[in-house]
């Protein structure tokens, strides 16, 4: 909150002098956009954005995550100190629609470089209220190289059309039944976002553009390798259906020809209806489901109750919204490989 007060003339003169000194200092440090070591200050809304900033920025950036380890990102409320840090950034990296409080603070911020990851790839809609996420898996399996390239070109055209929609389009996407924001759980889409982030860092800090380009290429290579491992590791399995407390895996399911069955939609803490539980019991039996997945940052009560009632086992499928000491890996790549292993086990991969 800004509090306006009447200030004595002497105090005003002193304030002006201090303001001029501060302005001079800012002028030599790109308007407070870099730290004392000359590194670009980057504010990252939550872990998937933090990982991109650190991997692409490397030694040339100082990354401040707004969401601390162990905090559920959807529930984040910014403290005044965090808002001040945000406004002192040289670049802000976020994903609109995930954290309303962060979206609002960024909208009010005067920082020049605000990078919304949702604008760097094409967002899609999935049935998150419970039900199959078939996606386009049938179109992906058995594609020829030419067909795959045609599909990719269509996606690129859709991305350009999406970008042209502007802010009004984004607002439309962010209603409860709107576009799914969990793009980072698809390594291919995450790589698209990485390329866009790298390009924006080059603009914000052109002196280190070559470093950002090199780091972006290295990260994209790692994500491409991860995609290949998922593609090969999930190609042949006894079942394609998995049940999860958090319907965060629509993009992953679509990419690898799987079917996500969410217990209670996008909120991992919400309670499913008796009708939904009965439906899931039937699905588990029909599709030979073996496992009910839960996540590390939310309660596993619902998953364990459903598993107990249906004779299934439980395991972790991490939506990677944060890294804690309970995470099965120290970073995005390690946790995603853990997710792959869990899916292979649950689906009976051959």
Protein backbone atom coordinates (compact mmCIF):
# COMPACT_ATOMS: atom_id res chain seq x y z
CA UNK A 1 0.00 0.00 0.00
CA UNK A 2 1.27 3.47 -0.88
CA UNK A 3 0.71 5.98 1.91
CA UNK A 4 0.83 9.64 0.87
CA UNK A 5 1.95 12.14 3.55
CA UNK A 6 2.76 15.84 3.67
CA UNK A 7 6.54 16.17 3.85
CA UNK A 8 8.36 19.28 5.14
CA UNK A 9 10.34 21.28 2.58
CA UNK A 10 13.72 20.29 4.02
CA UNK A 11 12.78 16.69 4.00
CA UNK A 12 11.57 17.03 0.43
CA UNK A 13 14.90 18.50 -0.65
CA UNK A 14 16.73 15.66 1.06
CA UNK A 15 14.49 13.13 -0.56
CA UNK A 16 15.07 14.64 -3.99
CA UNK A 17 18.84 14.47 -3.44
CA UNK A 18 18.62 10.84 -2.38
CA UNK A 19 16.32 10.12 -5.30
CA UNK A 20 18.83 11.58 -7.74
CA UNK A 21 21.59 9.49 -6.20
CA UNK A 22 19.43 6.41 -6.46
CA UNK A 23 18.57 7.25 -10.07
CA UNK A 24 22.25 7.61 -10.86
CA UNK A 25 22.98 4.25 -9.28
CA UNK A 26 20.14 2.64 -11.22
CA UNK A 27 21.39 4.13 -14.47
CA UNK A 28 24.68 2.28 -14.06
CA UNK A 29 22.95 -1.02 -13.24
CA UNK A 30 20.22 -1.13 -15.89
CA UNK A 31 17.49 0.38 -13.68
CA UNK A 32 18.08 -2.09 -10.85
CA UNK A 33 17.64 -5.00 -13.25
CA UNK A 34 21.06 -6.48 -12.40
CA UNK A 35 22.66 -7.41 -9.10
CA UNK A 36 25.95 -6.17 -7.63
CA UNK A 37 27.89 -8.72 -9.68
CA UNK A 38 26.33 -7.55 -12.93
CA UNK A 39 24.03 -10.55 -13.28
CA UNK A 40 20.53 -10.21 -14.69
CA UNK A 41 17.95 -10.43 -11.90
CA UNK A 42 15.29 -12.98 -12.79
CA UNK A 43 12.15 -13.61 -10.75
CA UNK A 44 10.62 -17.04 -11.41
CA UNK A 45 7.05 -17.72 -10.30
CA UNK A 46 7.46 -21.41 -9.36
CA UNK A 47 9.80 -24.35 -9.90
CA UNK A 48 9.25 -25.16 -13.62
CA UNK A 49 10.01 -21.52 -14.43
CA UNK A 50 12.92 -21.43 -11.96
CA UNK A 51 14.50 -24.46 -13.62
CA UNK A 52 14.33 -22.83 -17.06
CA UNK A 53 15.81 -19.59 -15.75
CA UNK A 54 18.70 -21.35 -14.02
CA UNK A 55 19.49 -23.69 -16.90
CA UNK A 56 19.33 -21.02 -19.60
CA UNK A 57 20.71 -18.12 -17.58
CA UNK A 58 23.60 -20.03 -16.02
CA UNK A 59 26.23 -17.84 -14.40
CA UNK A 60 24.84 -14.69 -16.01
CA UNK A 61 21.64 -14.53 -13.97
CA UNK A 62 20.56 -14.34 -10.35
CA UNK A 63 17.28 -16.26 -9.98
CA UNK A 64 14.79 -15.54 -7.20
CA UNK A 65 11.95 -18.09 -6.93
CA UNK A 66 8.68 -16.60 -5.68
CA UNK A 67 7.45 -20.01 -4.50
CA UNK A 68 9.65 -21.57 -1.85
CA UNK A 69 10.24 -25.36 -1.65
CA UNK A 70 7.34 -27.22 -0.10
CA UNK A 71 4.78 -24.48 -0.79
CA UNK A 72 1.78 -25.43 -2.96
CA UNK A 73 2.16 -22.89 -5.81
CA UNK A 74 -1.56 -22.49 -6.49
CA UNK A 75 -2.08 -21.14 -2.95
CA UNK A 76 0.81 -18.66 -2.97
CA UNK A 77 0.18 -15.19 -1.55
CA UNK A 78 3.03 -12.74 -2.08
CA UNK A 79 4.57 -10.90 0.86
CA UNK A 80 5.50 -7.21 0.48
CA UNK A 81 9.19 -8.14 0.33
CA UNK A 82 8.53 -10.54 -2.55
CA UNK A 83 6.58 -7.90 -4.44
CA UNK A 84 9.50 -5.49 -4.00
CA UNK A 85 11.94 -8.12 -5.30
CA UNK A 86 9.64 -8.76 -8.24
CA UNK A 87 9.59 -5.09 -9.17
CA UNK A 88 13.39 -4.94 -8.93
CA UNK A 89 13.84 -7.69 -11.54
CA UNK A 90 15.37 -7.37 -14.96
CA UNK A 91 13.14 -10.19 -16.20
CA UNK A 92 10.10 -12.00 -14.80
CA UNK A 93 9.30 -15.55 -15.86
CA UNK A 94 5.87 -16.94 -15.02
CA UNK A 95 2.98 -19.05 -16.28
CA UNK A 96 -0.26 -17.13 -16.33
CA UNK A 97 -3.24 -18.92 -14.83
CA UNK A 98 -1.36 -21.02 -12.28
CA UNK A 99 -0.95 -18.43 -9.51
CA UNK A 100 -3.56 -15.64 -9.43
CA UNK A 101 -1.69 -13.58 -6.82
CA UNK A 102 1.47 -13.66 -8.92
CA UNK A 103 -0.44 -12.80 -12.10
CA UNK A 104 -1.91 -9.73 -10.41
CA UNK A 105 1.45 -8.54 -9.05
CA UNK A 106 3.12 -8.97 -12.43
CA UNK A 107 0.32 -7.13 -14.19
CA UNK A 108 0.92 -4.16 -11.88
CA UNK A 109 4.71 -4.34 -12.20
CA UNK A 110 6.67 -1.91 -14.33
CA UNK A 111 9.36 -4.44 -15.27
CA UNK A 112 10.03 -4.32 -19.01
CA UNK A 113 10.65 -8.01 -19.68
CA UNK A 114 7.71 -10.10 -18.50
CA UNK A 115 7.75 -13.57 -20.04
CA UNK A 116 4.53 -15.58 -19.83
CA UNK A 117 5.37 -19.19 -20.69
CA UNK A 118 1.77 -19.75 -21.77
CA UNK A 119 2.43 -17.56 -24.82
CA UNK A 120 5.45 -19.62 -25.91
CA UNK A 121 3.60 -22.80 -26.83
CA UNK A 122 0.05 -23.86 -27.67
CA UNK A 123 -2.19 -24.52 -24.68
CA UNK A 124 -4.87 -27.17 -24.97
CA UNK A 125 -8.07 -28.21 -23.19
CA UNK A 126 -8.53 -31.51 -21.40
CA UNK A 127 -11.33 -33.06 -19.41
CA UNK A 128 -10.00 -32.38 -15.89
CA UNK A 129 -13.27 -33.08 -14.07
CA UNK A 130 -12.80 -36.81 -14.44
CA UNK A 131 -12.81 -38.89 -17.58
CA UNK A 132 -10.47 -40.00 -20.31
CA UNK A 133 -7.78 -37.70 -21.63
CA UNK A 134 -7.44 -39.35 -25.03
CA UNK A 135 -5.91 -36.25 -26.58
CA UNK A 136 -4.48 -36.92 -30.03
CA UNK A 137 -2.66 -40.13 -29.20
CA UNK A 138 -4.10 -42.06 -32.13
CA UNK A 139 -2.75 -39.40 -34.47
CA UNK A 140 0.75 -39.72 -32.98
CA UNK A 141 1.17 -43.48 -33.03
CA UNK A 142 2.52 -44.94 -36.23
CA UNK A 143 3.06 -41.60 -37.91
CA UNK A 144 5.47 -41.39 -40.79
CA UNK A 145 8.14 -38.71 -40.58
CA UNK A 146 6.25 -36.62 -43.14
CA UNK A 147 3.02 -36.95 -41.17
CA UNK A 148 4.83 -36.01 -37.99
CA UNK A 149 6.27 -32.90 -39.64
CA UNK A 150 2.82 -31.99 -40.95
CA UNK A 151 1.39 -32.37 -37.44
CA UNK A 152 4.17 -30.19 -36.04
CA UNK A 153 3.51 -27.54 -38.68
CA UNK A 154 -0.15 -27.51 -37.72
CA UNK A 155 0.85 -27.06 -34.11
CA UNK A 156 3.11 -24.15 -35.01
CA UNK A 157 0.31 -22.51 -36.97
CA UNK A 158 -1.96 -22.96 -33.99
CA UNK A 159 0.68 -21.44 -31.74
CA UNK A 160 0.91 -18.35 -33.94
CA UNK A 161 -2.87 -18.05 -33.99
CA UNK A 162 -2.94 -18.42 -30.21
CA UNK A 163 -0.31 -15.71 -29.76
CA UNK A 164 -2.34 -13.37 -31.95
CA UNK A 165 -5.33 -13.69 -29.66
CA UNK A 166 -3.71 -11.32 -27.20
CA UNK A 167 -4.55 -10.76 -23.57
CA UNK A 168 -8.30 -11.08 -24.11
CA UNK A 169 -7.74 -14.61 -25.34
CA UNK A 170 -5.67 -15.43 -22.29
CA UNK A 171 -8.40 -14.30 -19.95
CA UNK A 172 -10.80 -16.58 -21.77
CA UNK A 173 -8.43 -19.51 -21.37
CA UNK A 174 -8.03 -19.10 -17.64
CA UNK A 175 -11.56 -19.89 -16.49
CA UNK A 176 -12.14 -23.07 -14.50
CA UNK A 177 -12.83 -25.16 -17.59
CA UNK A 178 -10.13 -23.37 -19.60
CA UNK A 179 -6.77 -24.35 -21.04
CA UNK A 180 -4.56 -26.68 -19.05
CA UNK A 181 -1.41 -24.83 -17.84
CA UNK A 182 0.70 -27.95 -17.06
CA UNK A 183 2.80 -27.64 -20.22
CA UNK A 184 6.09 -28.43 -18.45
CA UNK A 185 5.06 -32.09 -18.02
CA UNK A 186 5.40 -32.58 -21.77
CA UNK A 187 9.15 -32.40 -22.58
CA UNK A 188 8.39 -31.31 -26.15
CA UNK A 189 6.25 -28.36 -25.11
CA UNK A 190 8.71 -27.52 -22.33
CA UNK A 191 11.47 -27.37 -24.95
CA UNK A 192 9.35 -24.95 -27.00
CA UNK A 193 8.99 -22.76 -23.92
CA UNK A 194 12.74 -22.99 -23.26
CA UNK A 195 13.50 -21.62 -26.73
CA UNK A 196 11.18 -18.67 -26.12
CA UNK A 197 12.68 -17.95 -22.72
CA UNK A 198 16.18 -18.02 -24.17
CA UNK A 199 15.19 -15.52 -26.85
CA UNK A 200 13.76 -13.15 -24.24
CA UNK A 201 16.89 -13.39 -22.09
CA UNK A 202 18.93 -12.43 -25.15
CA UNK A 203 16.82 -9.30 -25.50
CA UNK A 204 16.99 -8.43 -21.80
CA UNK A 205 20.76 -8.96 -21.62
CA UNK A 206 22.24 -8.78 -25.13
CA UNK A 207 25.81 -8.73 -23.82
CA UNK A 208 25.43 -12.42 -22.91
CA UNK A 209 23.21 -13.45 -25.81
CA UNK A 210 25.68 -16.06 -27.06
CA UNK A 211 25.75 -17.74 -23.64
CA UNK A 212 21.97 -17.84 -23.45
CA UNK A 213 21.76 -19.32 -26.93
CA UNK A 214 24.31 -22.01 -26.06
CA UNK A 215 22.58 -22.87 -22.78
CA UNK A 216 19.18 -23.00 -24.48
CA UNK A 217 20.48 -25.44 -27.06
CA UNK A 218 21.95 -27.64 -24.32
CA UNK A 219 18.68 -27.68 -22.38
CA UNK A 220 16.63 -28.44 -25.49
CA UNK A 221 18.97 -31.36 -26.20
CA UNK A 222 18.38 -32.74 -22.69
CA UNK A 223 14.62 -32.36 -23.06
CA UNK A 224 14.69 -34.03 -26.48
CA UNK A 225 16.56 -36.99 -24.98
CA UNK A 226 14.00 -37.16 -22.16
CA UNK A 227 11.19 -37.16 -24.71
CA UNK A 228 12.82 -40.03 -26.59
CA UNK A 229 13.12 -42.04 -23.37
CA UNK A 230 9.42 -41.50 -22.57
CA UNK A 231 8.41 -42.33 -26.13
CA UNK A 232 10.38 -45.56 -26.22
CA UNK A 233 9.73 -46.49 -22.59
CA UNK A 234 5.94 -46.22 -22.86
CA UNK A 235 5.47 -47.53 -26.41
CA UNK A 236 4.45 -51.04 -25.42
CA UNK A 237 2.50 -51.66 -22.21
CA UNK A 238 -0.25 -53.84 -20.78
CA UNK A 239 -2.54 -50.85 -20.25
CA UNK A 240 -2.61 -47.22 -21.30
CA UNK A 241 -4.72 -45.95 -18.40
CA UNK A 242 -3.47 -44.42 -15.16
CA UNK A 243 -5.38 -42.90 -12.23
CA UNK A 244 -4.10 -39.82 -10.44
CA UNK A 245 -5.32 -37.48 -7.70
CA UNK A 246 -4.12 -34.45 -9.65
CA UNK A 247 -5.26 -34.12 -13.27
CA UNK A 248 -1.99 -32.45 -14.23
CA UNK A 249 -0.80 -34.96 -16.81
CA UNK A 250 -3.03 -34.24 -19.79
CA UNK A 251 -0.16 -33.07 -22.01
CA UNK A 252 1.99 -36.04 -21.01
CA UNK A 253 -0.89 -38.45 -21.67
CA UNK A 254 -1.58 -36.88 -25.05
CA UNK A 255 2.07 -36.96 -26.08
CA UNK A 256 2.62 -40.64 -25.27
CA UNK A 257 -0.76 -42.14 -26.13
CA UNK A 258 -1.96 -42.64 -22.55
CA UNK A 259 -5.28 -42.07 -20.81
CA UNK A 260 -5.32 -40.00 -17.63
CA UNK A 261 -8.15 -40.62 -15.17
CA UNK A 262 -8.28 -37.83 -12.61
CA UNK A 263 -9.93 -38.65 -9.31
CA UNK A 264 -11.30 -35.17 -8.69
CA UNK A 265 -10.02 -32.77 -11.34
CA UNK A 266 -7.20 -30.25 -11.10
CA UNK A 267 -7.40 -29.76 -7.32
CA UNK A 268 -5.44 -32.58 -5.63
CA UNK A 269 -7.06 -31.79 -2.27
CA UNK A 270 -10.69 -32.01 -3.43
CA UNK A 271 -12.88 -34.97 -2.55
CA UNK A 272 -14.32 -37.09 -5.36
CA UNK A 273 -18.04 -37.80 -5.48
CA UNK A 274 -19.32 -41.32 -4.68
CA UNK A 275 -20.37 -41.60 -8.32
CA UNK A 276 -16.84 -40.80 -9.47
CA UNK A 277 -15.35 -43.38 -7.11
CA UNK A 278 -17.72 -46.03 -8.48
CA UNK A 279 -16.82 -45.03 -12.03
CA UNK A 280 -13.10 -45.29 -11.29
CA UNK A 281 -13.57 -48.73 -9.76
CA UNK A 282 -15.16 -49.87 -13.02
CA UNK A 283 -12.42 -48.26 -15.12
CA UNK A 284 -9.68 -49.86 -13.01
CA UNK A 285 -11.19 -53.29 -13.55
CA UNK A 286 -11.90 -52.86 -17.26
CA UNK A 287 -8.55 -51.26 -18.18
CA UNK A 288 -6.42 -53.43 -15.87
CA UNK A 289 -5.21 -50.42 -13.85
CA UNK A 290 -2.72 -51.39 -11.14
CA UNK A 291 -1.84 -48.12 -9.42
CA UNK A 292 -3.39 -44.96 -8.01
CA UNK A 293 -0.94 -42.06 -8.18
CA UNK A 294 -0.64 -39.17 -5.75
CA UNK A 295 1.80 -36.24 -5.51
CA UNK A 296 4.38 -35.02 -3.02
CA UNK A 297 2.93 -31.57 -2.22
CA UNK A 298 -0.61 -32.71 -1.39
CA UNK A 299 -2.33 -35.25 0.85
CA UNK A 300 -2.34 -38.89 -0.29
CA UNK A 301 -5.51 -39.70 1.69
CA UNK A 302 -7.86 -39.89 -1.30
CA UNK A 303 -5.45 -41.99 -3.35
CA UNK A 304 -4.90 -44.46 -0.52
CA UNK A 305 -8.63 -44.74 0.19
CA UNK A 306 -9.43 -45.48 -3.46
CA UNK A 307 -6.52 -47.92 -3.73
CA UNK A 308 -7.68 -49.74 -0.60
CA UNK A 309 -11.25 -50.00 -1.88
CA UNK A 310 -10.16 -51.35 -5.27
CA UNK A 311 -7.20 -53.50 -4.25
CA UNK A 312 -4.69 -51.33 -6.09
CA UNK A 313 -1.31 -50.06 -5.00
CA UNK A 314 -0.23 -46.43 -4.69
CA UNK A 315 2.81 -44.58 -5.98
CA UNK A 316 4.04 -41.04 -6.62
CA UNK A 317 3.58 -39.30 -9.95
CA UNK A 318 5.10 -35.90 -9.37
CA UNK A 319 3.59 -32.88 -11.17
CA UNK A 320 6.87 -31.08 -10.50
CA UNK A 321 5.38 -27.91 -9.10
CA UNK A 322 8.17 -27.83 -6.53
CA UNK A 323 11.26 -29.74 -5.40
CA UNK A 324 11.51 -30.83 -1.75
CA UNK A 325 13.42 -33.43 0.26
CA UNK A 326 10.55 -35.79 -0.54
CA UNK A 327 11.01 -35.44 -4.29
CA UNK A 328 12.43 -38.44 -6.13
CA UNK A 329 15.23 -36.44 -7.67
CA UNK A 330 17.08 -33.15 -7.30
CA UNK A 331 15.85 -31.40 -10.43
CA UNK A 332 13.34 -31.52 -13.27
CA UNK A 333 15.14 -34.14 -15.36
CA UNK A 334 15.70 -36.52 -12.44
CA UNK A 335 12.11 -36.30 -11.21
CA UNK A 336 10.72 -36.76 -14.71
CA UNK A 337 12.82 -39.90 -15.10
CA UNK A 338 11.39 -41.10 -11.80
CA UNK A 339 7.91 -40.41 -13.18
CA UNK A 340 8.79 -42.45 -16.26
CA UNK A 341 9.89 -45.39 -14.12
CA UNK A 342 6.69 -45.18 -12.05
CA UNK A 343 4.52 -45.13 -15.18
CA UNK A 344 6.41 -48.04 -16.73
CA UNK A 345 5.82 -50.11 -13.60
CA UNK A 346 2.16 -49.13 -13.30
CA UNK A 347 1.33 -49.64 -16.98
CA UNK A 348 3.26 -52.88 -17.35
CA UNK A 349 5.68 -51.51 -19.91
CA UNK A 350 7.46 -54.21 -21.93
